[in-house]
C-alpha atoms as a PDB file:
ATOM      1  CA  MET A   1      -5.088 -23.771  42.285  1.00  0.00           C
ATOM      2  CA  GLU A   2      -8.396 -24.446  43.954  1.00  0.00           C
ATOM      3  CA  LEU A   3     -10.190 -21.621  45.760  1.00  0.00           C
ATOM      4  CA  ASN A   4     -12.950 -21.813  48.312  1.00  0.00           C
ATOM      5  CA  THR A   5     -16.235 -20.008  47.657  1.00  0.00           C
ATOM      6  CA  LYS A   6     -15.328 -16.813  49.521  1.00  0.00           C
ATOM      7  CA  ALA A   7     -11.998 -16.473  47.757  1.00  0.00           C
ATOM      8  CA  ARG A   8     -13.536 -17.207  44.362  1.00  0.00           C
ATOM      9  CA  ASN A   9     -16.257 -14.589  44.928  1.00  0.00           C
ATOM     10  CA  ALA A  10     -13.656 -12.045  46.048  1.00  0.00           C
ATOM     11  CA  VAL A  11     -11.549 -12.680  42.949  1.00  0.00           C
ATOM     12  CA  MET A  12     -14.602 -12.394  40.709  1.00  0.00           C
ATOM     13  CA  ALA A  13     -15.581  -9.100  42.361  1.00  0.00           C
ATOM     14  CA  MET A  14     -12.053  -7.723  41.958  1.00  0.00           C
ATOM     15  CA  ALA A  15     -11.982  -8.772  38.299  1.00  0.00           C
ATOM     16  CA  ASP A  16     -15.342  -7.101  37.747  1.00  0.00           C
ATOM     17  CA  LEU A  17     -14.066  -3.902  39.367  1.00  0.00           C
ATOM     18  CA  ALA A  18     -10.974  -3.988  37.173  1.00  0.00           C
ATOM     19  CA  LYS A  19     -13.064  -4.452  34.057  1.00  0.00           C
ATOM     20  CA  THR A  20     -15.878  -1.973  34.725  1.00  0.00           C
ATOM     21  CA  GLY A  21     -14.388   0.423  37.247  1.00  0.00           C
ATOM     22  CA  GLU A  22     -12.198   2.410  34.864  1.00  0.00           C
ATOM     23  CA  SER A  23     -14.785   5.171  34.603  1.00  0.00           C
ATOM     24  CA  GLY A  24     -15.344   5.519  38.357  1.00  0.00           C
ATOM     25  CA  ALA A  25     -16.900   3.851  41.344  1.00  0.00           C
ATOM     26  CA  VAL A  26     -19.016   0.735  40.822  1.00  0.00           C
ATOM     27  CA  PRO A  27     -22.040   0.162  43.088  1.00  0.00           C
ATOM     28  CA  LEU A  28     -21.668  -3.070  45.061  1.00  0.00           C
ATOM     29  CA  SER A  29     -25.172  -4.101  44.048  1.00  0.00           C
ATOM     30  CA  ALA A  30     -24.144  -4.101  40.362  1.00  0.00           C
ATOM     31  CA  ILE A  31     -21.315  -6.616  40.768  1.00  0.00           C
ATOM     32  CA  PRO A  32     -23.423  -9.633  41.811  1.00  0.00           C
ATOM     33  CA  GLN A  33     -25.873  -8.937  39.003  1.00  0.00           C
ATOM     34  CA  ARG A  34     -23.131  -9.033  36.364  1.00  0.00           C
ATOM     35  CA  GLN A  35     -21.267 -11.973  37.927  1.00  0.00           C
ATOM     36  CA  ASN A  36     -24.416 -13.998  38.712  1.00  0.00           C
ATOM     37  CA  LEU A  37     -23.613 -14.112  42.438  1.00  0.00           C
ATOM     38  CA  PRO A  38     -25.945 -13.703  45.384  1.00  0.00           C
ATOM     39  CA  PHE A  39     -25.482 -10.260  46.979  1.00  0.00           C
ATOM     40  CA  ALA A  40     -25.407 -11.980  50.373  1.00  0.00           C
ATOM     41  CA  TYR A  41     -22.074 -13.584  49.390  1.00  0.00           C
ATOM     42  CA  LEU A  42     -20.433 -10.326  48.324  1.00  0.00           C
ATOM     43  CA  GLU A  43     -21.662  -8.066  51.103  1.00  0.00           C
ATOM     44  CA  PRO A  44     -19.521  -9.553  53.919  1.00  0.00           C
ATOM     45  CA  LEU A  45     -16.448  -9.632  51.650  1.00  0.00           C
ATOM     46  CA  SER A  46     -16.487  -5.892  50.994  1.00  0.00           C
ATOM     47  CA  PRO A  47     -15.125  -4.814  54.406  1.00  0.00           C
ATOM     48  CA  ARG A  48     -12.424  -7.472  54.239  1.00  0.00           C
ATOM     49  CA  LEU A  49     -11.264  -6.249  50.839  1.00  0.00           C
ATOM     50  CA  ARG A  50     -11.201  -2.672  52.159  1.00  0.00           C
ATOM     51  CA  ARG A  51      -9.216  -3.612  55.277  1.00  0.00           C
ATOM     52  CA  ALA A  52      -6.729  -5.479  53.100  1.00  0.00           C
ATOM     53  CA  GLY A  53      -6.210  -2.313  51.046  1.00  0.00           C
ATOM     54  CA  LEU A  54      -7.456  -3.867  47.810  1.00  0.00           C
ATOM     55  CA  VAL A  55     -10.617  -1.794  47.439  1.00  0.00           C
ATOM     56  CA  THR A  56     -11.533   1.744  48.431  1.00  0.00           C
ATOM     57  CA  ARG A  57     -15.021   3.081  48.895  1.00  0.00           C
ATOM     58  CA  ALA A  58     -16.405   6.201  47.269  1.00  0.00           C
ATOM     59  CA  CYS A  59     -19.336   7.724  49.147  1.00  0.00           C
ATOM     60  CA  GLY A  60     -22.168   9.811  47.810  1.00  0.00           C
ATOM     61  CA  ARG A  61     -24.585   9.619  44.948  1.00  0.00           C
ATOM     62  CA  ALA A  62     -22.058   8.196  42.489  1.00  0.00           C
ATOM     63  CA  GLY A  63     -20.393   6.075  45.166  1.00  0.00           C
ATOM     64  CA  GLY A  64     -19.382   2.474  45.188  1.00  0.00           C
ATOM     65  CA  ALA A  65     -16.224   0.423  45.159  1.00  0.00           C
ATOM     66  CA  VAL A  66     -12.994   1.315  43.385  1.00  0.00           C
ATOM     67  CA  LEU A  67      -9.840  -0.754  43.066  1.00  0.00           C
ATOM     68  CA  ALA A  68      -7.020   0.622  45.186  1.00  0.00           C
ATOM     69  CA  TRP A  69      -4.032   1.160  42.949  1.00  0.00           C
END
């Protein structure tokens, strides 16, 4: 299956959240650093993932993205 760039970046972000998000929320700025993606590619995808019910957002000092189970 071939994915376009947006879909591939979304899948990579979700995989990163699954791998590193077990201990809590993951800051969105940390995902592109680990996955070697430009932050500008991930930033517009975040609201789409939230609206789709795939990701929830934790606010506050230890906030970030969490996979919606």
